[in-house]
Amino acid sequence: MKRIALMGLIGLAALMPCIAQQTTMQAVEGLATRYSTLDRVFYASHAKLPFGAQVKVTNLENNKSVVVTIGGRIPLDPRWVIDICAPAADVLDMEEHGTGFTRVRLEEVHREAKRKATRKFMQTGPATWQMEGPEFTAAHPSIPLQTQVRITNKATGKQAIATVTNRMAADGKRIIDLSRPLAQALGLGEPAMVMIETVDRDTGK
């Protein structure tokens, strides 16, 4: 009986590296597809990563990036690494549904590290609204992608919560680029001064 138990422990030890590979991921490159959805949440499907895991996806053709949350499954395939919802695919400038694959790089995002990196960030300066994409999204030079920020119109005090989904150049002329629906919700005119504060997802502060 003891021998059977010992063999079982040895077998479990041998399986542990395989189990670890299913829940963590090094940076990998492969093909991505997009699927049609009206969801505003940036979801994606992966063969093995656990549901709720966050992954940074970079389009290797234009270097645009977005962070998505794993919420579905795709068949295990060495070439096809992820299936991305339409709003996130739009941020990456991926091809329309059904027209082909896009080569991407995947990097797992560790939530605790991201939260520490964005804690207590505040910035005031001019904003523009040339960004194309889903409403209540924004582009910033350095705030980690998928971070939520509170944007305040300095002229009126009106506020809105947005998600940073893209990058912009740090040119000194503006601190953030907003989607047009977001700018309209804030009642911004041109030029406009705003204040940016990062929002902790757990507390809303």
C-alpha atoms as a PDB file:
ATOM      1  CA  MET A   1       0.000   0.000   0.000  1.00  0.00           C
ATOM      2  CA  LYS A   2       2.874   2.349   0.906  1.00  0.00           C
ATOM      3  CA  ARG A   3       4.542   1.535  -2.399  1.00  0.00           C
ATOM      4  CA  ILE A   4       1.369   2.452  -4.319  1.00  0.00           C
ATOM      5  CA  ALA A   5       1.140   5.754  -2.443  1.00  0.00           C
ATOM      6  CA  LEU A   6       4.816   6.485  -3.126  1.00  0.00           C
ATOM      7  CA  MET A   7       4.376   5.777  -6.832  1.00  0.00           C
ATOM      8  CA  GLY A   8       1.373   8.079  -6.869  1.00  0.00           C
ATOM      9  CA  LEU A   9       3.413  10.919  -5.351  1.00  0.00           C
ATOM     10  CA  ILE A  10       6.199  10.357  -7.871  1.00  0.00           C
ATOM     11  CA  GLY A  11       3.676  10.472 -10.715  1.00  0.00           C
ATOM     12  CA  LEU A  12       2.163  13.701  -9.336  1.00  0.00           C
ATOM     13  CA  ALA A  13       5.618  15.281  -9.085  1.00  0.00           C
ATOM     14  CA  ALA A  14       6.253  14.385 -12.701  1.00  0.00           C
ATOM     15  CA  LEU A  15       2.996  16.054 -13.730  1.00  0.00           C
ATOM     16  CA  MET A  16       3.608  19.315 -11.833  1.00  0.00           C
ATOM     17  CA  PRO A  17       5.619  21.011 -14.641  1.00  0.00           C
ATOM     18  CA  CYS A  18       2.770  20.261 -17.065  1.00  0.00           C
ATOM     19  CA  ILE A  19       0.202  21.714 -14.655  1.00  0.00           C
ATOM     20  CA  ALA A  20       2.335  24.837 -14.220  1.00  0.00           C
ATOM     21  CA  GLN A  21       2.542  25.287 -17.992  1.00  0.00           C
ATOM     22  CA  GLN A  22      -1.239  25.406 -18.173  1.00  0.00           C
ATOM     23  CA  THR A  23      -1.575  28.290 -15.676  1.00  0.00           C
ATOM     24  CA  THR A  24       1.410  30.487 -16.538  1.00  0.00           C
ATOM     25  CA  MET A  25       2.844  31.689 -19.810  1.00  0.00           C
ATOM     26  CA  GLN A  26       6.109  33.077 -21.121  1.00  0.00           C
ATOM     27  CA  ALA A  27       5.979  35.528 -24.033  1.00  0.00           C
ATOM     28  CA  VAL A  28       4.955  33.639 -27.181  1.00  0.00           C
ATOM     29  CA  GLU A  29       4.292  34.582 -30.792  1.00  0.00           C
ATOM     30  CA  GLY A  30       1.693  33.133 -33.126  1.00  0.00           C
ATOM     31  CA  LEU A  31      -1.451  33.789 -35.131  1.00  0.00           C
ATOM     32  CA  ALA A  32      -4.530  35.563 -33.792  1.00  0.00           C
ATOM     33  CA  THR A  33      -8.101  35.715 -35.081  1.00  0.00           C
ATOM     34  CA  ARG A  34     -10.981  38.021 -34.204  1.00  0.00           C
ATOM     35  CA  TYR A  35     -14.598  37.171 -33.471  1.00  0.00           C
ATOM     36  CA  SER A  36     -17.627  39.431 -33.698  1.00  0.00           C
ATOM     37  CA  THR A  37     -19.136  40.652 -30.439  1.00  0.00           C
ATOM     38  CA  LEU A  38     -20.833  43.785 -29.158  1.00  0.00           C
ATOM     39  CA  ASP A  39     -19.248  43.428 -25.686  1.00  0.00           C
ATOM     40  CA  ARG A  40     -17.268  46.441 -24.505  1.00  0.00           C
ATOM     41  CA  VAL A  41     -15.181  44.263 -22.178  1.00  0.00           C
ATOM     42  CA  PHE A  42     -11.949  43.146 -23.838  1.00  0.00           C
ATOM     43  CA  TYR A  43     -12.305  39.350 -23.795  1.00  0.00           C
ATOM     44  CA  ALA A  44     -10.298  36.697 -25.632  1.00  0.00           C
ATOM     45  CA  SER A  45     -10.156  32.897 -25.920  1.00  0.00           C
ATOM     46  CA  HIS A  46      -7.037  30.785 -25.313  1.00  0.00           C
ATOM     47  CA  ALA A  47      -6.299  27.051 -25.362  1.00  0.00           C
ATOM     48  CA  LYS A  48      -4.943  26.676 -21.802  1.00  0.00           C
ATOM     49  CA  LEU A  49      -4.683  29.891 -19.774  1.00  0.00           C
ATOM     50  CA  PRO A  50      -7.137  30.064 -16.835  1.00  0.00           C
ATOM     51  CA  PHE A  51     -10.299  32.144 -17.136  1.00  0.00           C
ATOM     52  CA  GLY A  52      -9.727  35.637 -15.764  1.00  0.00           C
ATOM     53  CA  ALA A  53      -6.033  35.732 -16.692  1.00  0.00           C
ATOM     54  CA  GLN A  54      -4.981  39.004 -18.315  1.00  0.00           C
ATOM     55  CA  VAL A  55      -2.785  38.933 -21.420  1.00  0.00           C
ATOM     56  CA  LYS A  56      -1.042  41.758 -23.268  1.00  0.00           C
ATOM     57  CA  VAL A  57      -1.475  41.211 -27.021  1.00  0.00           C
ATOM     58  CA  THR A  58       0.850  43.072 -29.423  1.00  0.00           C
ATOM     59  CA  ASN A  59       0.186  43.217 -33.156  1.00  0.00           C
ATOM     60  CA  LEU A  60       3.638  42.520 -34.636  1.00  0.00           C
ATOM     61  CA  GLU A  61       2.683  44.271 -37.877  1.00  0.00           C
ATOM     62  CA  ASN A  62       2.146  47.718 -36.278  1.00  0.00           C
ATOM     63  CA  ASN A  63       3.349  47.283 -32.648  1.00  0.00           C
ATOM     64  CA  LYS A  64      -0.057  48.280 -31.214  1.00  0.00           C
ATOM     65  CA  SER A  65      -0.955  46.592 -27.930  1.00  0.00           C
ATOM     66  CA  VAL A  66      -4.020  45.868 -25.818  1.00  0.00           C
ATOM     67  CA  VAL A  67      -4.703  43.901 -22.638  1.00  0.00           C
ATOM     68  CA  VAL A  68      -7.480  41.296 -22.801  1.00  0.00           C
ATOM     69  CA  THR A  69      -9.083  38.980 -20.237  1.00  0.00           C
ATOM     70  CA  ILE A  70      -9.320  35.261 -20.992  1.00  0.00           C
ATOM     71  CA  GLY A  71     -12.967  34.209 -21.027  1.00  0.00           C
ATOM     72  CA  GLY A  72     -13.191  31.362 -23.548  1.00  0.00           C
ATOM     73  CA  ARG A  73     -11.451  28.414 -25.142  1.00  0.00           C
ATOM     74  CA  ILE A  74      -9.986  27.655 -28.579  1.00  0.00           C
ATOM     75  CA  PRO A  75      -8.640  24.291 -29.844  1.00  0.00           C
ATOM     76  CA  LEU A  76      -5.014  23.539 -28.992  1.00  0.00           C
ATOM     77  CA  ASP A  77      -2.997  24.501 -32.103  1.00  0.00           C
ATOM     78  CA  PRO A  78       0.744  25.349 -32.249  1.00  0.00           C
ATOM     79  CA  ARG A  79       0.111  28.220 -34.708  1.00  0.00           C
ATOM     80  CA  TRP A  80      -3.190  29.724 -33.537  1.00  0.00           C
ATOM     81  CA  VAL A  81      -2.545  31.289 -30.124  1.00  0.00           C
ATOM     82  CA  ILE A  82      -5.585  33.491 -29.372  1.00  0.00           C
ATOM     83  CA  ASP A  83      -9.050  34.570 -30.548  1.00  0.00           C
ATOM     84  CA  ILE A  84      -9.793  38.221 -29.764  1.00  0.00           C
ATOM     85  CA  CYS A  85     -13.122  40.040 -29.422  1.00  0.00           C
ATOM     86  CA  ALA A  86     -13.922  42.757 -31.938  1.00  0.00           C
ATOM     87  CA  PRO A  87     -13.386  45.851 -29.690  1.00  0.00           C
ATOM     88  CA  ALA A  88      -9.874  44.719 -28.716  1.00  0.00           C
ATOM     89  CA  ALA A  89      -9.127  43.662 -32.295  1.00  0.00           C
ATOM     90  CA  ASP A  90     -10.107  47.169 -33.444  1.00  0.00           C
ATOM     91  CA  VAL A  91      -7.532  48.682 -31.073  1.00  0.00           C
ATOM     92  CA  LEU A  92      -4.913  46.390 -32.652  1.00  0.00           C
ATOM     93  CA  ASP A  93      -6.093  47.252 -36.196  1.00  0.00           C
ATOM     94  CA  MET A  94      -6.623  43.555 -36.916  1.00  0.00           C
ATOM     95  CA  GLU A  95      -8.341  42.448 -40.107  1.00  0.00           C
ATOM     96  CA  GLU A  96     -12.105  42.029 -40.212  1.00  0.00           C
ATOM     97  CA  HIS A  97     -13.701  38.758 -39.106  1.00  0.00           C
ATOM     98  CA  GLY A  98     -13.152  35.898 -41.508  1.00  0.00           C
ATOM     99  CA  THR A  99     -10.458  37.517 -43.678  1.00  0.00           C
ATOM    100  CA  GLY A 100      -7.338  35.966 -42.169  1.00  0.00           C
ATOM    101  CA  PHE A 101      -4.859  35.823 -39.327  1.00  0.00           C
ATOM    102  CA  THR A 102      -2.719  38.473 -37.629  1.00  0.00           C
ATOM    103  CA  ARG A 103       0.697  37.675 -36.164  1.00  0.00           C
ATOM    104  CA  VAL A 104       0.863  38.699 -32.495  1.00  0.00           C
ATOM    105  CA  ARG A 105       2.946  38.371 -29.351  1.00  0.00           C
ATOM    106  CA  LEU A 106       1.304  37.355 -26.061  1.00  0.00           C
ATOM    107  CA  GLU A 107       2.607  38.303 -22.617  1.00  0.00           C
ATOM    108  CA  GLU A 108       0.789  37.451 -19.397  1.00  0.00           C
ATOM    109  CA  VAL A 109       0.025  40.457 -17.165  1.00  0.00           C
ATOM    110  CA  HIS A 110       0.488  39.975 -13.436  1.00  0.00           C
ATOM    111  CA  ARG A 111      -2.294  41.938 -11.736  1.00  0.00           C
ATOM    112  CA  GLU A 112      -0.480  42.730  -8.485  1.00  0.00           C
ATOM    113  CA  ALA A 113       2.548  44.127 -10.300  1.00  0.00           C
ATOM    114  CA  LYS A 114       0.301  46.217 -12.541  1.00  0.00           C
ATOM    115  CA  ARG A 115      -1.636  47.592  -9.558  1.00  0.00           C
ATOM    116  CA  LYS A 116       1.579  48.630  -7.771  1.00  0.00           C
ATOM    117  CA  ALA A 117       2.917  50.280 -10.937  1.00  0.00           C
ATOM    118  CA  THR A 118      -0.164  52.470 -11.354  1.00  0.00           C
ATOM    119  CA  ARG A 119      -0.974  53.330  -7.727  1.00  0.00           C
ATOM    120  CA  LYS A 120      -1.397  57.042  -6.914  1.00  0.00           C
ATOM    121  CA  PHE A 121      -0.642  58.248 -10.446  1.00  0.00           C
ATOM    122  CA  MET A 122      -1.961  61.768 -11.141  1.00  0.00           C
ATOM    123  CA  GLN A 123      -1.293  64.139 -14.051  1.00  0.00           C
ATOM    124  CA  THR A 124      -2.729  67.422 -15.319  1.00  0.00           C
ATOM    125  CA  GLY A 125      -2.403  68.805 -18.841  1.00  0.00           C
ATOM    126  CA  PRO A 126      -4.018  69.199 -22.273  1.00  0.00           C
ATOM    127  CA  ALA A 127      -6.038  66.457 -23.943  1.00  0.00           C
ATOM    128  CA  THR A 128      -6.954  65.656 -27.538  1.00  0.00           C
ATOM    129  CA  TRP A 129      -9.631  63.316 -28.892  1.00  0.00           C
ATOM    130  CA  GLN A 130      -8.329  61.806 -32.098  1.00  0.00           C
ATOM    131  CA  MET A 131      -8.327  58.214 -30.890  1.00  0.00           C
ATOM    132  CA  GLU A 132     -10.546  55.760 -32.756  1.00  0.00           C
ATOM    133  CA  GLY A 133     -12.073  52.891 -30.798  1.00  0.00           C
ATOM    134  CA  PRO A 134     -14.828  51.943 -28.357  1.00  0.00           C
ATOM    135  CA  GLU A 135     -16.297  54.706 -26.236  1.00  0.00           C
ATOM    136  CA  PHE A 136     -14.740  55.596 -22.878  1.00  0.00           C
ATOM    137  CA  THR A 137     -11.254  54.531 -23.963  1.00  0.00           C
ATOM    138  CA  ALA A 138      -8.010  56.496 -24.084  1.00  0.00           C
ATOM    139  CA  ALA A 139      -4.368  56.381 -25.178  1.00  0.00           C
ATOM    140  CA  HIS A 140      -1.455  57.350 -22.896  1.00  0.00           C
ATOM    141  CA  PRO A 141       2.359  57.246 -23.262  1.00  0.00           C
ATOM    142  CA  SER A 142       3.094  55.190 -20.120  1.00  0.00           C
ATOM    143  CA  ILE A 143       0.070  54.123 -18.043  1.00  0.00           C
ATOM    144  CA  PRO A 144      -0.215  50.304 -18.310  1.00  0.00           C
ATOM    145  CA  LEU A 145      -2.796  49.139 -20.824  1.00  0.00           C
ATOM    146  CA  GLN A 146      -6.239  48.222 -19.458  1.00  0.00           C
ATOM    147  CA  THR A 147      -5.741  50.523 -16.442  1.00  0.00           C
ATOM    148  CA  GLN A 148      -8.828  52.509 -15.474  1.00  0.00           C
ATOM    149  CA  VAL A 149      -8.401  56.267 -15.057  1.00  0.00           C
ATOM    150  CA  ARG A 150     -10.688  59.003 -13.792  1.00  0.00           C
ATOM    151  CA  ILE A 151     -10.599  62.002 -16.151  1.00  0.00           C
ATOM    152  CA  THR A 152     -11.752  65.396 -14.883  1.00  0.00           C
ATOM    153  CA  ASN A 153     -12.600  68.362 -17.108  1.00  0.00           C
ATOM    154  CA  LYS A 154     -10.704  71.154 -15.305  1.00  0.00           C
ATOM    155  CA  ALA A 155     -13.060  73.833 -16.655  1.00  0.00           C
ATOM    156  CA  THR A 156     -16.321  72.269 -15.444  1.00  0.00           C
ATOM    157  CA  GLY A 157     -15.375  69.550 -12.952  1.00  0.00           C
ATOM    158  CA  LYS A 158     -17.235  66.923 -14.986  1.00  0.00           C
ATOM    159  CA  GLN A 159     -15.713  63.431 -14.614  1.00  0.00           C
ATOM    160  CA  ALA A 160     -15.739  60.072 -16.404  1.00  0.00           C
ATOM    161  CA  ILE A 161     -13.982  56.726 -15.964  1.00  0.00           C
ATOM    162  CA  ALA A 162     -12.055  55.469 -18.999  1.00  0.00           C
ATOM    163  CA  THR A 163      -9.840  52.492 -19.841  1.00  0.00           C
ATOM    164  CA  VAL A 164      -6.361  52.994 -21.297  1.00  0.00           C
ATOM    165  CA  THR A 165      -6.325  50.724 -24.349  1.00  0.00           C
ATOM    166  CA  ASN A 166      -3.608  52.189 -26.559  1.00  0.00           C
ATOM    167  CA  ARG A 167      -0.311  54.048 -26.713  1.00  0.00           C
ATOM    168  CA  MET A 168       0.473  57.560 -27.963  1.00  0.00           C
ATOM    169  CA  ALA A 169       3.734  59.455 -28.434  1.00  0.00           C
ATOM    170  CA  ALA A 170       4.945  61.611 -25.540  1.00  0.00           C
ATOM    171  CA  ASP A 171       5.369  64.878 -27.479  1.00  0.00           C
ATOM    172  CA  GLY A 172       4.795  67.425 -24.720  1.00  0.00           C
ATOM    173  CA  LYS A 173       1.726  68.864 -26.471  1.00  0.00           C
ATOM    174  CA  ARG A 174      -0.865  66.687 -24.721  1.00  0.00           C
ATOM    175  CA  ILE A 175      -0.927  64.136 -21.930  1.00  0.00           C
ATOM    176  CA  ILE A 176      -3.742  61.885 -23.151  1.00  0.00           C
ATOM    177  CA  ASP A 177      -5.746  61.133 -26.284  1.00  0.00           C
ATOM    178  CA  LEU A 178      -9.443  60.368 -25.762  1.00  0.00           C
ATOM    179  CA  SER A 179     -12.053  58.647 -27.881  1.00  0.00           C
ATOM    180  CA  ARG A 180     -14.588  61.142 -29.241  1.00  0.00           C
ATOM    181  CA  PRO A 181     -17.562  59.714 -27.266  1.00  0.00           C
ATOM    182  CA  LEU A 182     -15.515  60.112 -24.073  1.00  0.00           C
ATOM    183  CA  ALA A 183     -14.616  63.716 -24.915  1.00  0.00           C
ATOM    184  CA  GLN A 184     -18.290  64.454 -25.621  1.00  0.00           C
ATOM    185  CA  ALA A 185     -19.357  62.906 -22.291  1.00  0.00           C
ATOM    186  CA  LEU A 186     -16.890  65.200 -20.507  1.00  0.00           C
ATOM    187  CA  GLY A 187     -18.103  68.238 -22.453  1.00  0.00           C
ATOM    188  CA  LEU A 188     -14.576  69.062 -23.620  1.00  0.00           C
ATOM    189  CA  GLY A 189     -13.816  71.856 -26.077  1.00  0.00           C
ATOM    190  CA  GLU A 190     -10.542  72.452 -27.919  1.00  0.00           C
ATOM    191  CA  PRO A 191      -8.076  72.999 -26.377  1.00  0.00           C
ATOM    192  CA  ALA A 192      -9.002  71.332 -23.092  1.00  0.00           C
ATOM    193  CA  MET A 193      -7.242  70.848 -19.764  1.00  0.00           C
ATOM    194  CA  VAL A 194      -7.878  67.635 -17.858  1.00  0.00           C
ATOM    195  CA  MET A 195      -6.669  65.848 -14.746  1.00  0.00           C
ATOM    196  CA  ILE A 196      -5.937  62.102 -14.872  1.00  0.00           C
ATOM    197  CA  GLU A 197      -6.055  59.857 -11.797  1.00  0.00           C
ATOM    198  CA  THR A 198      -5.604  56.089 -11.853  1.00  0.00           C
ATOM    199  CA  VAL A 199      -8.467  54.096 -10.332  1.00  0.00           C
ATOM    200  CA  ASP A 200      -7.958  50.963  -8.228  1.00  0.00           C
ATOM    201  CA  ARG A 201     -10.365  48.341  -9.610  1.00  0.00           C
ATOM    202  CA  ASP A 202     -10.834  46.807  -6.166  1.00  0.00           C
ATOM    203  CA  THR A 203     -11.810  49.993  -4.326  1.00  0.00           C
ATOM    204  CA  GLY A 204     -12.913  52.339  -7.127  1.00  0.00           C
ATOM    205  CA  LYS A 205     -10.620  55.052  -5.704  1.00  0.00           C
END
